[in-house]
Amino acid sequence: MSEDLKQLAQRKLNFFQTLKAVAWAMFGVRKGAGYQEDIAKLNPVHLVIAGLLFGVLFVTSLLTIVGWVLASFK
């Protein structure tokens, strides 16, 4: 099983390409062929890190927007 993980971690896309793929997925505008290509090349470690990064960015932006809206009512 550890050999499978090592092989997955050696996939071709670098971290910035993974960030790009995750960003396209968040907007929901990725075509099927590009999606299949990304899935075949994405490094799962990079994918988890990118997902956590975008999750934190999303929550932070929501909290900022809510803070601005609440401040405008004072």
PDB file of N, CA and C in Angstrom:
ATOM      1  N   MET A   1       0.817  -1.193   0.000  1.00  0.00           N
ATOM      2  CA  MET A   1       0.000   0.000   0.000  1.00  0.00           C
ATOM      3  C   MET A   1       0.861   1.258   0.000  1.00  0.00           C
ATOM      4  N   SER A   2       1.980   1.257   0.710  1.00  0.00           N
ATOM      5  CA  SER A   2       2.829   2.443   0.740  1.00  0.00           C
ATOM      6  C   SER A   2       3.442   2.716  -0.633  1.00  0.00           C
ATOM      7  N   GLU A   3       3.628   1.697  -1.445  1.00  0.00           N
ATOM      8  CA  GLU A   3       4.126   1.893  -2.811  1.00  0.00           C
ATOM      9  C   GLU A   3       3.109   2.664  -3.644  1.00  0.00           C
ATOM     10  N   ASP A   4       1.814   2.366  -3.452  1.00  0.00           N
ATOM     11  CA  ASP A   4       0.767   3.095  -4.171  1.00  0.00           C
ATOM     12  C   ASP A   4       0.790   4.570  -3.807  1.00  0.00           C
ATOM     13  N   LEU A   5       0.954   4.865  -2.522  1.00  0.00           N
ATOM     14  CA  LEU A   5       1.007   6.258  -2.078  1.00  0.00           C
ATOM     15  C   LEU A   5       2.233   6.964  -2.642  1.00  0.00           C
ATOM     16  N   LYS A   6       3.354   6.261  -2.700  1.00  0.00           N
ATOM     17  CA  LYS A   6       4.566   6.859  -3.261  1.00  0.00           C
ATOM     18  C   LYS A   6       4.379   7.167  -4.736  1.00  0.00           C
ATOM     19  N   GLN A   7       3.736   6.270  -5.462  1.00  0.00           N
ATOM     20  CA  GLN A   7       3.488   6.500  -6.884  1.00  0.00           C
ATOM     21  C   GLN A   7       2.540   7.680  -7.087  1.00  0.00           C
ATOM     22  N   LEU A   8       1.503   7.776  -6.264  1.00  0.00           N
ATOM     23  CA  LEU A   8       0.570   8.898  -6.377  1.00  0.00           C
ATOM     24  C   LEU A   8       1.262  10.229  -6.079  1.00  0.00           C
ATOM     25  N   ALA A   9       2.153  10.219  -5.101  1.00  0.00           N
ATOM     26  CA  ALA A   9       2.843  11.443  -4.715  1.00  0.00           C
ATOM     27  C   ALA A   9       3.854  11.896  -5.765  1.00  0.00           C
ATOM     28  N   GLN A  10       4.202  11.037  -6.700  1.00  0.00           N
ATOM     29  CA  GLN A  10       5.159  11.375  -7.751  1.00  0.00           C
ATOM     30  C   GLN A  10       4.490  11.868  -9.026  1.00  0.00           C
ATOM     31  N   ARG A  11       3.211  12.177  -8.978  1.00  0.00           N
ATOM     32  CA  ARG A  11       2.500  12.636 -10.171  1.00  0.00           C
ATOM     33  C   ARG A  11       3.062  13.951 -10.671  1.00  0.00           C
ATOM     34  N   LYS A  12       2.731  14.287 -11.919  1.00  0.00           N
ATOM     35  CA  LYS A  12       3.436  15.316 -12.671  1.00  0.00           C
ATOM     36  C   LYS A  12       3.104  16.762 -12.343  1.00  0.00           C
ATOM     37  N   LEU A  13       1.885  17.097 -12.010  1.00  0.00           N
ATOM     38  CA  LEU A  13       1.527  18.508 -11.825  1.00  0.00           C
ATOM     39  C   LEU A  13       2.207  19.087 -10.588  1.00  0.00           C
ATOM     40  N   ASN A  14       2.710  20.314 -10.715  1.00  0.00           N
ATOM     41  CA  ASN A  14       3.300  20.962  -9.559  1.00  0.00           C
ATOM     42  C   ASN A  14       2.198  21.626  -8.728  1.00  0.00           C
ATOM     43  N   PHE A  15       2.584  22.242  -7.625  1.00  0.00           N
ATOM     44  CA  PHE A  15       1.596  22.785  -6.692  1.00  0.00           C
ATOM     45  C   PHE A  15       0.780  23.911  -7.315  1.00  0.00           C
ATOM     46  N   PHE A  16       1.402  24.773  -8.114  1.00  0.00           N
ATOM     47  CA  PHE A  16       0.673  25.892  -8.714  1.00  0.00           C
ATOM     48  C   PHE A  16      -0.333  25.407  -9.757  1.00  0.00           C
ATOM     49  N   GLN A  17       0.000  24.352 -10.471  1.00  0.00           N
ATOM     50  CA  GLN A  17      -0.952  23.762 -11.411  1.00  0.00           C
ATOM     51  C   GLN A  17      -2.122  23.135 -10.651  1.00  0.00           C
ATOM     52  N   THR A  18      -1.831  22.564  -9.494  1.00  0.00           N
ATOM     53  CA  THR A  18      -2.888  22.007  -8.656  1.00  0.00           C
ATOM     54  C   THR A  18      -3.802  23.120  -8.148  1.00  0.00           C
ATOM     55  N   LEU A  19      -3.219  24.252  -7.736  1.00  0.00           N
ATOM     56  CA  LEU A  19      -4.027  25.395  -7.299  1.00  0.00           C
ATOM     57  C   LEU A  19      -4.949  25.863  -8.419  1.00  0.00           C
ATOM     58  N   LYS A  20      -4.433  25.901  -9.629  1.00  0.00           N
ATOM     59  CA  LYS A  20      -5.235  26.308 -10.778  1.00  0.00           C
ATOM     60  C   LYS A  20      -6.396  25.333 -10.992  1.00  0.00           C
ATOM     61  N   ALA A  21      -6.129  24.042 -10.905  1.00  0.00           N
ATOM     62  CA  ALA A  21      -7.175  23.038 -11.096  1.00  0.00           C
ATOM     63  C   ALA A  21      -8.244  23.140 -10.013  1.00  0.00           C
ATOM     64  N   VAL A  22      -7.834  23.384  -8.780  1.00  0.00           N
ATOM     65  CA  VAL A  22      -8.789  23.521  -7.678  1.00  0.00           C
ATOM     66  C   VAL A  22      -9.615  24.797  -7.855  1.00  0.00           C
ATOM     67  N   ALA A  23      -8.975  25.878  -8.297  1.00  0.00           N
ATOM     68  CA  ALA A  23      -9.710  27.129  -8.524  1.00  0.00           C
ATOM     69  C   ALA A  23     -10.768  26.939  -9.608  1.00  0.00           C
ATOM     70  N   TRP A  24     -10.415  26.278 -10.706  1.00  0.00           N
ATOM     71  CA  TRP A  24     -11.393  26.013 -11.763  1.00  0.00           C
ATOM     72  C   TRP A  24     -12.529  25.150 -11.233  1.00  0.00           C
ATOM     73  N   ALA A  25     -12.203  24.189 -10.393  1.00  0.00           N
ATOM     74  CA  ALA A  25     -13.237  23.314  -9.826  1.00  0.00           C
ATOM     75  C   ALA A  25     -14.175  24.093  -8.909  1.00  0.00           C
ATOM     76  N   MET A  26     -13.638  25.052  -8.163  1.00  0.00           N
ATOM     77  CA  MET A  26     -14.483  25.853  -7.269  1.00  0.00           C
ATOM     78  C   MET A  26     -15.484  26.683  -8.053  1.00  0.00           C
ATOM     79  N   PHE A  27     -15.075  27.187  -9.217  1.00  0.00           N
ATOM     80  CA  PHE A  27     -15.978  27.976 -10.044  1.00  0.00           C
ATOM     81  C   PHE A  27     -16.899  27.102 -10.876  1.00  0.00           C
ATOM     82  N   GLY A  28     -16.574  25.829 -11.008  1.00  0.00           N
ATOM     83  CA  GLY A  28     -17.426  24.897 -11.733  1.00  0.00           C
ATOM     84  C   GLY A  28     -17.419  25.082 -13.233  1.00  0.00           C
ATOM     85  N   VAL A  29     -16.305  25.531 -13.788  1.00  0.00           N
ATOM     86  CA  VAL A  29     -16.246  25.792 -15.221  1.00  0.00           C
ATOM     87  C   VAL A  29     -15.249  24.892 -15.944  1.00  0.00           C
ATOM     88  N   ARG A  30     -14.834  23.817 -15.331  1.00  0.00           N
ATOM     89  CA  ARG A  30     -13.854  22.913 -15.947  1.00  0.00           C
ATOM     90  C   ARG A  30     -14.548  21.956 -16.895  1.00  0.00           C
ATOM     91  N   LYS A  31     -13.989  21.797 -18.095  1.00  0.00           N
ATOM     92  CA  LYS A  31     -14.548  20.861 -19.069  1.00  0.00           C
ATOM     93  C   LYS A  31     -14.198  19.433 -18.680  1.00  0.00           C
ATOM     94  N   GLY A  32     -14.974  18.485 -19.178  1.00  0.00           N
ATOM     95  CA  GLY A  32     -14.784  17.080 -18.830  1.00  0.00           C
ATOM     96  C   GLY A  32     -13.420  16.533 -19.204  1.00  0.00           C
ATOM     97  N   ALA A  33     -12.922  16.882 -20.392  1.00  0.00           N
ATOM     98  CA  ALA A  33     -11.619  16.376 -20.828  1.00  0.00           C
ATOM     99  C   ALA A  33     -10.495  16.936 -19.954  1.00  0.00           C
ATOM    100  N   GLY A  34     -10.558  18.212 -19.624  1.00  0.00           N
ATOM    101  CA  GLY A  34      -9.557  18.814 -18.749  1.00  0.00           C
ATOM    102  C   GLY A  34      -9.616  18.241 -17.351  1.00  0.00           C
ATOM    103  N   TYR A  35     -10.820  17.979 -16.890  1.00  0.00           N
ATOM    104  CA  TYR A  35     -11.003  17.375 -15.567  1.00  0.00           C
ATOM    105  C   TYR A  35     -10.354  15.998 -15.512  1.00  0.00           C
ATOM    106  N   GLN A  36     -10.596  15.182 -16.524  1.00  0.00           N
ATOM    107  CA  GLN A  36     -10.031  13.831 -16.560  1.00  0.00           C
ATOM    108  C   GLN A  36      -8.508  13.878 -16.632  1.00  0.00           C
ATOM    109  N   GLU A  37      -7.985  14.837 -17.383  1.00  0.00           N
ATOM    110  CA  GLU A  37      -6.532  14.990 -17.479  1.00  0.00           C
ATOM    111  C   GLU A  37      -5.942  15.389 -16.132  1.00  0.00           C
ATOM    112  N   ASP A  38      -6.597  16.335 -15.451  1.00  0.00           N
ATOM    113  CA  ASP A  38      -6.118  16.759 -14.131  1.00  0.00           C
ATOM    114  C   ASP A  38      -6.157  15.616 -13.126  1.00  0.00           C
ATOM    115  N   ILE A  39      -7.230  14.850 -13.139  1.00  0.00           N
ATOM    116  CA  ILE A  39      -7.360  13.741 -12.196  1.00  0.00           C
ATOM    117  C   ILE A  39      -6.235  12.732 -12.386  1.00  0.00           C
ATOM    118  N   ALA A  40      -5.830  12.529 -13.606  1.00  0.00           N
ATOM    119  CA  ALA A  40      -4.763  11.566 -13.882  1.00  0.00           C
ATOM    120  C   ALA A  40      -3.395  12.081 -13.437  1.00  0.00           C
ATOM    121  N   LYS A  41      -3.241  13.405 -13.327  1.00  0.00           N
ATOM    122  CA  LYS A  41      -1.921  13.975 -13.044  1.00  0.00           C
ATOM    123  C   LYS A  41      -1.789  14.629 -11.678  1.00  0.00           C
ATOM    124  N   LEU A  42      -2.900  14.902 -11.003  1.00  0.00           N
ATOM    125  CA  LEU A  42      -2.829  15.626  -9.732  1.00  0.00           C
ATOM    126  C   LEU A  42      -2.138  14.811  -8.651  1.00  0.00           C
ATOM    127  N   ASN A  43      -1.306  15.496  -7.892  1.00  0.00           N
ATOM    128  CA  ASN A  43      -0.655  14.904  -6.736  1.00  0.00           C
ATOM    129  C   ASN A  43      -1.629  15.026  -5.563  1.00  0.00           C
ATOM    130  N   PRO A  44      -2.019  13.912  -4.937  1.00  0.00           N
ATOM    131  CA  PRO A  44      -3.016  13.986  -3.860  1.00  0.00           C
ATOM    132  C   PRO A  44      -2.572  14.824  -2.666  1.00  0.00           C
ATOM    133  N   VAL A  45      -1.292  14.858  -2.383  1.00  0.00           N
ATOM    134  CA  VAL A  45      -0.801  15.679  -1.273  1.00  0.00           C
ATOM    135  C   VAL A  45      -1.027  17.153  -1.588  1.00  0.00           C
ATOM    136  N   HIS A  46      -0.684  17.548  -2.816  1.00  0.00           N
ATOM    137  CA  HIS A  46      -0.921  18.933  -3.232  1.00  0.00           C
ATOM    138  C   HIS A  46      -2.407  19.250  -3.232  1.00  0.00           C
ATOM    139  N   LEU A  47      -3.210  18.286  -3.619  1.00  0.00           N
ATOM    140  CA  LEU A  47      -4.657  18.495  -3.687  1.00  0.00           C
ATOM    141  C   LEU A  47      -5.247  18.768  -2.304  1.00  0.00           C
ATOM    142  N   VAL A  48      -4.817  18.027  -1.311  1.00  0.00           N
ATOM    143  CA  VAL A  48      -5.305  18.229   0.059  1.00  0.00           C
ATOM    144  C   VAL A  48      -4.874  19.602   0.572  1.00  0.00           C
ATOM    145  N   ILE A  49      -3.614  19.952   0.348  1.00  0.00           N
ATOM    146  CA  ILE A  49      -3.111  21.253   0.802  1.00  0.00           C
ATOM    147  C   ILE A  49      -3.860  22.387   0.107  1.00  0.00           C
ATOM    148  N   ALA A  50      -4.055  22.265  -1.194  1.00  0.00           N
ATOM    149  CA  ALA A  50      -4.775  23.296  -1.948  1.00  0.00           C
ATOM    150  C   ALA A  50      -6.226  23.400  -1.483  1.00  0.00           C
ATOM    151  N   GLY A  51      -6.868  22.279  -1.217  1.00  0.00           N
ATOM    152  CA  GLY A  51      -8.245  22.289  -0.726  1.00  0.00           C
ATOM    153  C   GLY A  51      -8.358  22.986   0.618  1.00  0.00           C
ATOM    154  N   LEU A  52      -7.432  22.701   1.518  1.00  0.00           N
ATOM    155  CA  LEU A  52      -7.434  23.368   2.826  1.00  0.00           C
ATOM    156  C   LEU A  52      -7.173  24.862   2.677  1.00  0.00           C
ATOM    157  N   LEU A  53      -6.238  25.219   1.805  1.00  0.00           N
ATOM    158  CA  LEU A  53      -5.920  26.626   1.578  1.00  0.00           C
ATOM    159  C   LEU A  53      -7.123  27.388   1.030  1.00  0.00           C
ATOM    160  N   PHE A  54      -7.793  26.823   0.024  1.00  0.00           N
ATOM    161  CA  PHE A  54      -8.971  27.481  -0.542  1.00  0.00           C
ATOM    162  C   PHE A  54     -10.126  27.506   0.459  1.00  0.00           C
ATOM    163  N   GLY A  55     -10.237  26.482   1.294  1.00  0.00           N
ATOM    164  CA  GLY A  55     -11.278  26.467   2.327  1.00  0.00           C
ATOM    165  C   GLY A  55     -11.080  27.590   3.329  1.00  0.00           C
ATOM    166  N   VAL A  56      -9.844  27.762   3.793  1.00  0.00           N
ATOM    167  CA  VAL A  56      -9.531  28.844   4.738  1.00  0.00           C
ATOM    168  C   VAL A  56      -9.756  30.205   4.079  1.00  0.00           C
ATOM    169  N   LEU A  57      -9.348  30.332   2.823  1.00  0.00           N
ATOM    170  CA  LEU A  57      -9.553  31.581   2.095  1.00  0.00           C
ATOM    171  C   LEU A  57     -11.038  31.896   1.940  1.00  0.00           C
ATOM    172  N   PHE A  58     -11.838  30.891   1.646  1.00  0.00           N
ATOM    173  CA  PHE A  58     -13.276  31.072   1.490  1.00  0.00           C
ATOM    174  C   PHE A  58     -13.933  31.511   2.795  1.00  0.00           C
ATOM    175  N   VAL A  59     -13.610  30.832   3.893  1.00  0.00           N
ATOM    176  CA  VAL A  59     -14.195  31.177   5.197  1.00  0.00           C
ATOM    177  C   VAL A  59     -13.752  32.576   5.624  1.00  0.00           C
ATOM    178  N   THR A  60     -12.489  32.898   5.414  1.00  0.00           N
ATOM    179  CA  THR A  60     -11.986  34.225   5.770  1.00  0.00           C
ATOM    180  C   THR A  60     -12.688  35.316   4.979  1.00  0.00           C
ATOM    181  N   SER A  61     -12.890  35.077   3.688  1.00  0.00           N
ATOM    182  CA  SER A  61     -13.584  36.086   2.890  1.00  0.00           C
ATOM    183  C   SER A  61     -15.043  36.239   3.325  1.00  0.00           C
ATOM    184  N   LEU A  62     -15.701  35.152   3.678  1.00  0.00           N
ATOM    185  CA  LEU A  62     -17.080  35.247   4.176  1.00  0.00           C
ATOM    186  C   LEU A  62     -17.145  36.027   5.481  1.00  0.00           C
ATOM    187  N   LEU A  63     -16.223  35.753   6.394  1.00  0.00           N
ATOM    188  CA  LEU A  63     -16.199  36.478   7.664  1.00  0.00           C
ATOM    189  C   LEU A  63     -15.929  37.962   7.452  1.00  0.00           C
ATOM    190  N   THR A  64     -15.069  38.286   6.510  1.00  0.00           N
ATOM    191  CA  THR A  64     -14.779  39.690   6.199  1.00  0.00           C
ATOM    192  C   THR A  64     -16.010  40.391   5.644  1.00  0.00           C
ATOM    193  N   ILE A  65     -16.702  39.753   4.734  1.00  0.00           N
ATOM    194  CA  ILE A  65     -17.912  40.337   4.152  1.00  0.00           C
ATOM    195  C   ILE A  65     -18.982  40.540   5.219  1.00  0.00           C
ATOM    196  N   VAL A  66     -19.168  39.548   6.086  1.00  0.00           N
ATOM    197  CA  VAL A  66     -20.154  39.674   7.164  1.00  0.00           C
ATOM    198  C   VAL A  66     -19.761  40.806   8.107  1.00  0.00           C
ATOM    199  N   GLY A  67     -18.481  40.941   8.400  1.00  0.00           N
ATOM    200  CA  GLY A  67     -18.008  42.031   9.254  1.00  0.00           C
ATOM    201  C   GLY A  67     -18.303  43.393   8.645  1.00  0.00           C
ATOM    202  N   TRP A  68     -18.081  43.540   7.357  1.00  0.00           N
ATOM    203  CA  TRP A  68     -18.386  44.804   6.678  1.00  0.00           C
ATOM    204  C   TRP A  68     -19.894  45.101   6.697  1.00  0.00           C
ATOM    205  N   VAL A  69     -20.680  44.093   6.466  1.00  0.00           N
ATOM    206  CA  VAL A  69     -22.143  44.301   6.448  1.00  0.00           C
ATOM    207  C   VAL A  69     -22.623  44.692   7.837  1.00  0.00           C
ATOM    208  N   LEU A  70     -22.165  44.010   8.854  1.00  0.00           N
ATOM    209  CA  LEU A  70     -22.578  44.345  10.222  1.00  0.00           C
ATOM    210  C   LEU A  70     -22.079  45.726  10.641  1.00  0.00           C
ATOM    211  N   ALA A  71     -20.901  46.096  10.205  1.00  0.00           N
ATOM    212  CA  ALA A  71     -20.368  47.421  10.540  1.00  0.00           C
ATOM    213  C   ALA A  71     -21.152  48.527   9.864  1.00  0.00           C
ATOM    214  N   SER A  72     -21.738  48.237   8.714  1.00  0.00           N
ATOM    215  CA  SER A  72     -22.503  49.268   8.005  1.00  0.00           C
ATOM    216  C   SER A  72     -23.834  49.561   8.684  1.00  0.00           C
ATOM    217  N   PHE A  73     -24.320  48.659   9.534  1.00  0.00           N
ATOM    218  CA  PHE A  73     -25.572  48.881  10.240  1.00  0.00           C
ATOM    219  C   PHE A  73     -25.404  49.676  11.532  1.00  0.00           C
ATOM    220  N   LYS A  74     -24.220  49.912  11.961  1.00  0.00           N
ATOM    221  CA  LYS A  74     -23.989  50.640  13.225  1.00  0.00           C
ATOM    222  C   LYS A  74     -24.185  52.106  13.058  1.00  0.00           C
TER     223      LYS A  74
END
